[in-house]
Protein backbone atom coordinates (compact mmCIF):
# COMPACT_ATOMS: atom_id res chain seq x y z
CA MET A 1 164.43 13.59 72.93
CA THR A 2 161.45 13.12 75.26
CA ARG A 3 159.90 16.34 73.96
CA ASN A 4 160.32 15.15 70.35
CA LEU A 5 158.70 11.81 71.14
CA LYS A 6 155.75 13.57 72.77
CA TYR A 7 155.39 15.82 69.73
CA LEU A 8 155.52 12.88 67.30
CA SER A 9 152.98 10.99 69.41
CA PHE A 10 150.67 14.00 69.34
CA VAL A 11 150.99 14.36 65.54
CA PHE A 12 150.31 10.64 65.09
CA PHE A 13 147.22 10.88 67.33
CA ILE A 14 145.84 13.82 65.33
CA TRP A 15 146.44 11.96 62.06
CA ILE A 16 144.56 8.90 63.35
CA VAL A 17 141.58 11.00 64.48
CA PHE A 18 141.21 12.96 61.26
CA SER A 19 141.83 10.03 58.95
CA GLY A 20 138.98 8.23 60.72
CA CYS A 21 136.67 11.20 60.13
CA LYS A 22 137.40 11.40 56.43
CA LYS A 23 134.23 11.22 54.32
CA GLU A 24 133.74 8.24 52.07
CA ASN A 25 134.12 9.08 48.41
CA PHE A 26 131.00 8.07 46.51
CA GLU A 27 130.82 7.67 42.76
CA ILE A 28 128.84 10.37 40.96
CA PHE A 29 126.52 9.07 38.23
CA GLU A 30 126.25 11.88 35.71
CA GLU A 31 123.58 10.41 33.43
CA PRO A 32 119.93 9.86 34.41
CA LYS A 33 118.57 6.34 34.18
CA THR A 34 115.08 4.82 34.02
CA LEU A 35 114.24 1.24 34.96
CA LEU A 36 110.66 0.12 34.25
CA ASN A 37 108.71 -2.77 35.78
CA VAL A 38 111.58 -3.88 37.96
CA ALA A 39 110.69 -6.95 40.03
CA TYR A 40 111.31 -6.46 43.74
CA GLY A 41 109.61 -9.74 44.68
CA SER A 42 108.37 -12.98 43.16
CA ASP A 43 104.70 -11.99 42.80
CA ALA A 44 103.59 -10.51 39.48
CA ALA A 45 102.25 -7.45 41.31
CA GLN A 46 105.60 -6.68 42.94
CA LYS A 47 106.90 -4.32 40.28
CA ALA A 48 108.23 -0.78 40.39
CA ASP A 49 109.43 1.93 38.02
CA ILE A 50 112.69 3.55 39.11
CA PHE A 51 113.79 6.99 37.94
CA LEU A 52 117.38 7.91 38.81
CA PRO A 53 118.42 11.56 38.36
CA ALA A 54 121.55 12.97 36.75
CA ASN A 55 124.56 13.71 38.99
CA ARG A 56 123.35 11.39 41.73
CA SER A 57 125.40 9.66 44.40
CA GLN A 58 124.97 7.60 47.53
CA ALA A 59 126.07 10.59 49.56
CA ASP A 60 122.88 12.60 49.21
CA THR A 61 120.42 11.24 46.60
CA ARG A 62 117.44 10.07 48.63
CA VAL A 63 114.32 8.38 47.26
CA VAL A 64 110.70 9.51 46.92
CA LEU A 65 108.55 6.37 47.03
CA ILE A 66 105.11 6.81 45.42
CA ILE A 67 102.21 4.63 46.64
CA HIS A 68 99.05 4.66 44.52
CA GLY A 69 95.48 4.66 45.81
CA GLY A 70 92.49 2.51 44.94
CA GLY A 71 90.88 1.46 48.20
CA TRP A 72 93.61 -1.14 48.94
CA MET A 73 91.83 -3.54 46.56
CA ALA A 74 92.36 -1.74 43.24
CA GLY A 75 94.60 0.79 41.52
CA ASP A 76 97.94 0.69 39.73
CA LYS A 77 101.20 2.62 39.66
CA LYS A 78 100.24 4.07 36.30
CA ASP A 79 97.59 6.11 38.15
CA MET A 80 100.42 8.23 39.59
CA GLU A 81 102.54 8.55 36.45
CA SER A 82 101.64 12.22 36.00
CA TYR A 83 103.52 12.96 39.23
CA ILE A 84 106.83 11.61 37.99
CA PRO A 85 107.95 14.42 35.63
CA LYS A 86 106.72 17.01 38.14
CA LEU A 87 108.73 15.44 40.94
CA GLN A 88 111.76 15.09 38.70
CA SER A 89 111.52 18.77 37.78
CA GLN A 90 111.12 20.07 41.33
CA LEU A 91 113.11 17.52 43.35
CA LYS A 92 116.22 17.13 41.23
CA ASP A 93 118.23 15.69 44.12
CA TYR A 94 115.85 12.77 44.61
CA ALA A 95 115.35 9.49 42.84
CA VAL A 96 111.68 8.60 42.27
CA VAL A 97 110.25 5.09 42.65
CA ASN A 98 106.64 4.38 41.64
CA MET A 99 105.44 1.07 43.03
CA ASN A 100 102.77 -1.53 42.51
CA TYR A 101 101.88 -3.74 45.43
CA ARG A 102 99.76 -6.81 46.07
CA LEU A 103 96.12 -5.82 46.37
CA ALA A 104 93.82 -7.02 49.11
CA SER A 105 91.05 -9.35 47.95
CA ILE A 106 87.96 -11.07 49.27
CA SER A 107 88.13 -14.28 47.23
CA PRO A 108 90.63 -15.69 47.80
CA ILE A 109 91.14 -13.77 51.03
CA ARG A 110 94.21 -11.58 51.03
CA TYR A 111 94.38 -9.14 53.90
CA MET A 112 95.75 -5.62 53.53
CA LEU A 113 98.21 -6.15 56.37
CA PRO A 114 100.87 -7.25 56.53
CA THR A 115 100.76 -7.90 52.76
CA GLN A 116 101.04 -4.28 51.69
CA SER A 117 103.37 -3.16 54.46
CA ASP A 118 105.60 -6.14 53.60
CA ASP A 119 105.68 -5.00 49.97
CA ILE A 120 106.80 -1.51 50.95
CA ARG A 121 109.54 -3.00 53.09
CA SER A 122 110.59 -5.41 50.34
CA LEU A 123 110.91 -2.59 47.85
CA MET A 124 112.97 -0.52 50.28
CA ASN A 125 115.18 -3.56 50.87
CA TYR A 126 115.61 -3.96 47.12
CA VAL A 127 116.63 -0.33 46.68
CA GLN A 128 119.00 -0.55 49.62
CA SER A 129 120.66 -3.73 48.34
CA ASN A 130 121.22 -2.02 44.98
CA ALA A 131 122.19 1.38 46.35
CA ASP A 132 125.75 1.09 45.01
CA GLU A 133 124.54 0.30 41.50
CA PHE A 134 121.74 2.88 41.53
CA GLY A 135 123.79 5.61 43.15
CA VAL A 136 121.21 6.46 45.82
CA LYS A 137 121.11 6.87 49.57
CA PRO A 138 118.54 4.38 50.92
CA GLU A 139 116.53 6.93 52.87
CA PHE A 140 112.94 7.48 51.82
CA VAL A 141 110.18 10.03 51.58
CA VAL A 142 106.92 8.09 51.30
CA LEU A 143 104.29 9.87 49.19
CA GLY A 144 100.85 8.35 48.82
CA TYR A 145 97.42 9.28 47.52
CA SER A 146 94.15 8.09 49.09
CA ALA A 147 94.71 4.48 50.22
CA GLY A 148 98.35 5.07 49.30
CA GLY A 149 98.43 8.04 51.68
CA HIS A 150 97.07 5.78 54.39
CA LEU A 151 99.77 3.18 53.65
CA ALA A 152 102.49 5.84 53.61
CA MET A 153 101.49 7.04 57.07
CA LEU A 154 100.90 3.56 58.46
CA TYR A 155 104.21 2.22 57.21
CA ALA A 156 106.12 5.21 58.58
CA TYR A 157 104.45 5.28 61.99
CA ARG A 158 104.07 1.52 62.54
CA TYR A 159 106.39 -0.57 60.38
CA ASP A 160 109.51 1.51 59.76
CA THR A 161 111.65 -0.33 62.29
CA ASP A 162 114.81 0.38 60.27
CA LYS A 163 114.15 4.14 60.42
CA ARG A 164 114.60 4.58 56.68
CA VAL A 165 111.56 6.85 56.25
CA LYS A 166 112.52 10.47 56.81
CA ALA A 167 109.24 12.21 55.94
CA VAL A 168 105.63 11.49 54.95
CA VAL A 169 103.64 13.17 52.17
CA ASN A 170 99.98 12.27 52.65
CA ILE A 171 97.54 13.24 49.90
CA ALA A 172 93.91 12.62 50.92
CA GLY A 173 94.73 9.54 52.93
CA PRO A 174 92.54 8.35 55.82
CA CYS A 175 94.35 8.32 59.15
CA ASN A 176 91.57 7.02 61.42
CA LEU A 177 89.62 4.03 60.13
CA ASP A 178 87.61 3.99 63.35
CA ASP A 179 86.05 7.37 62.53
CA SER A 180 82.32 7.43 63.30
CA ALA A 181 81.78 8.96 59.86
CA TYR A 182 82.70 5.56 58.40
CA HIS A 183 80.52 3.44 60.67
CA SER A 184 77.38 4.11 58.63
CA ASN A 185 79.10 3.38 55.30
CA PRO A 186 78.27 -0.27 54.47
CA ILE A 187 80.99 -0.60 51.82
CA PHE A 188 83.66 0.82 54.11
CA SER A 189 82.46 -1.24 57.07
CA PHE A 190 82.60 -4.40 54.96
CA GLY A 191 86.16 -3.64 53.87
CA MET A 192 87.25 -3.21 57.49
CA ASN A 193 86.95 -6.98 57.86
CA TYR A 194 89.93 -7.43 55.54
CA ILE A 195 92.55 -5.23 57.18
CA THR A 196 94.38 -8.12 58.82
CA ASN A 197 93.82 -11.67 59.93
CA PRO A 198 91.87 -11.43 63.22
CA ASP A 199 94.42 -13.80 64.77
CA ASN A 200 97.03 -11.02 64.38
CA LEU A 201 95.10 -8.46 66.40
CA PRO A 202 96.34 -7.49 69.85
CA ASP A 203 93.84 -8.31 72.60
CA GLY A 204 90.94 -5.88 72.67
CA MET A 205 91.92 -4.09 69.45
CA THR A 206 89.54 -3.90 66.49
CA GLN A 207 90.52 -4.17 62.84
CA ALA A 208 89.81 -0.48 62.30
CA VAL A 209 91.95 0.66 65.22
CA PHE A 210 94.80 -1.67 64.24
CA GLY A 211 94.80 -0.35 60.68
CA SER A 212 94.69 3.33 61.64
CA PRO A 213 97.93 5.31 61.29
CA VAL A 214 96.98 7.54 64.25
CA THR A 215 97.03 4.49 66.52
CA TRP A 216 100.79 4.22 66.06
CA ILE A 217 101.87 7.86 66.21
CA SER A 218 104.63 8.51 68.75
CA THR A 219 107.31 11.04 69.54
CA LYS A 220 109.52 9.22 67.01
CA SER A 221 107.07 9.63 64.11
CA GLN A 222 108.30 11.40 61.01
CA PRO A 223 107.51 14.97 59.91
CA THR A 224 104.31 14.86 57.88
CA ILE A 225 102.74 17.12 55.29
CA SER A 226 99.12 16.48 54.27
CA PHE A 227 96.84 17.71 51.49
CA TYR A 228 93.04 17.43 51.51
CA GLY A 229 89.97 18.54 49.61
CA SER A 230 87.44 20.58 51.58
CA SER A 231 84.49 18.72 50.03
CA ASP A 232 85.94 15.20 49.93
CA ASP A 233 83.13 12.64 50.33
CA LEU A 234 85.63 9.90 51.24
CA ILE A 235 87.84 11.79 53.68
CA PRO A 236 85.76 13.91 56.11
CA VAL A 237 87.18 16.92 57.94
CA SER A 238 87.41 14.80 61.09
CA GLN A 239 90.26 12.85 59.46
CA HIS A 240 92.74 15.68 59.02
CA THR A 241 91.70 17.21 62.34
CA LYS A 242 92.49 13.92 64.11
CA LEU A 243 95.83 13.58 62.33
CA GLU A 244 96.87 17.11 63.20
CA GLN A 245 95.87 16.71 66.86
CA SER A 246 97.63 13.36 67.20
CA LEU A 247 100.91 14.64 65.77
CA ASN A 248 100.72 17.88 67.75
CA ASN A 249 100.14 15.94 70.97
CA VAL A 250 103.58 14.33 70.64
CA GLU A 251 105.19 17.45 69.15
CA VAL A 252 105.89 15.97 65.72
CA TYR A 253 106.13 18.62 63.01
CA ASN A 254 103.20 18.56 60.61
CA GLU A 255 101.50 20.72 58.02
CA LYS A 256 98.11 20.44 56.35
CA HIS A 257 96.83 22.23 53.27
CA ILE A 258 93.16 22.30 52.33
CA TYR A 259 91.96 22.92 48.75
CA ASP A 260 88.52 23.83 47.45
CA THR A 261 87.83 20.49 45.80
CA GLY A 262 86.93 16.86 46.54
CA HIS A 263 88.90 13.61 46.52
CA ASP A 264 90.53 14.60 43.22
CA VAL A 265 92.85 17.01 45.06
CA SER A 266 95.90 14.97 44.06
CA PHE A 267 95.52 15.73 40.38
CA LYS A 268 93.79 19.11 40.35
CA PHE A 269 96.45 20.68 42.51
CA ALA A 270 99.48 18.52 41.76
CA ASP A 271 101.78 21.44 40.90
CA ASP A 272 101.05 23.28 44.15
CA ILE A 273 101.27 20.08 46.17
CA ILE A 274 104.74 19.38 44.81
CA GLN A 275 105.90 22.96 45.34
CA LYS A 276 104.81 22.82 48.98
CA THR A 277 106.36 19.37 49.35
CA LYS A 278 109.66 20.72 48.02
CA ALA A 279 109.70 23.51 50.62
CA PHE A 280 108.73 21.05 53.37
CA LEU A 281 111.49 18.57 52.47
CA SER A 282 114.13 21.28 52.24
CA LYS A 283 113.48 22.10 55.89
CA HIS A 284 112.85 18.68 57.39
CA VAL A 285 114.99 16.17 55.49
CA ARG A 286 118.71 16.72 55.96
């Protein structure tokens, strides 16, 4: 009798353990779905286009979030529309979200930060709160071009406190706004006054240092793949050298790919960029 009780207790214990480990069953959405100009905030600029793939589920359909360029004060999500069918073709297991965000301005003053980092967070919150309906896993790959590349890196390295960003795809984005190559550029120097309200700066830190993604790189930073033009007048060689060194110093995986072109690298080499991004994500996003 005692032996039987011990056996039954053991069987019951095993049942409890394995029933607790059972995977949650997520609904599979067989049909693709497109949602255009979805409001993720109350401002007119807070809109996004959402592209949900066929056969998606919350179990494993992550999100590529596209951030357009334009010097933080201009640009629109339509500038990156050519990327959407290419991403859909190559990254069939990902949803794609193409966002607009509130632009910085001089009159009235609207600083880049935290306005634009707040918008990225708000959009991620929106996707996460609708993950059941969308059929996606609220984990993100941030992909940005030019100023959007800068914001992708900065958000990942500095503002991703919820650890929802799993990888960064940086296309011709500046990583070090304190680069001496920018000090003699009057337009760039002027814009550096509108990174954030000076009252928000830590003691002894300049606007340019505060707004630089490399300032915030740590051992917990996300794997990063970068693409640059060799003759880019806006992004000197010192930028991708600094990024590579900073990530290597803390042993964060990174790749960089240089093309024989200028700042138009994003569009001239889009197919190759996406192919390399696909290979990178397959290894570094699980």
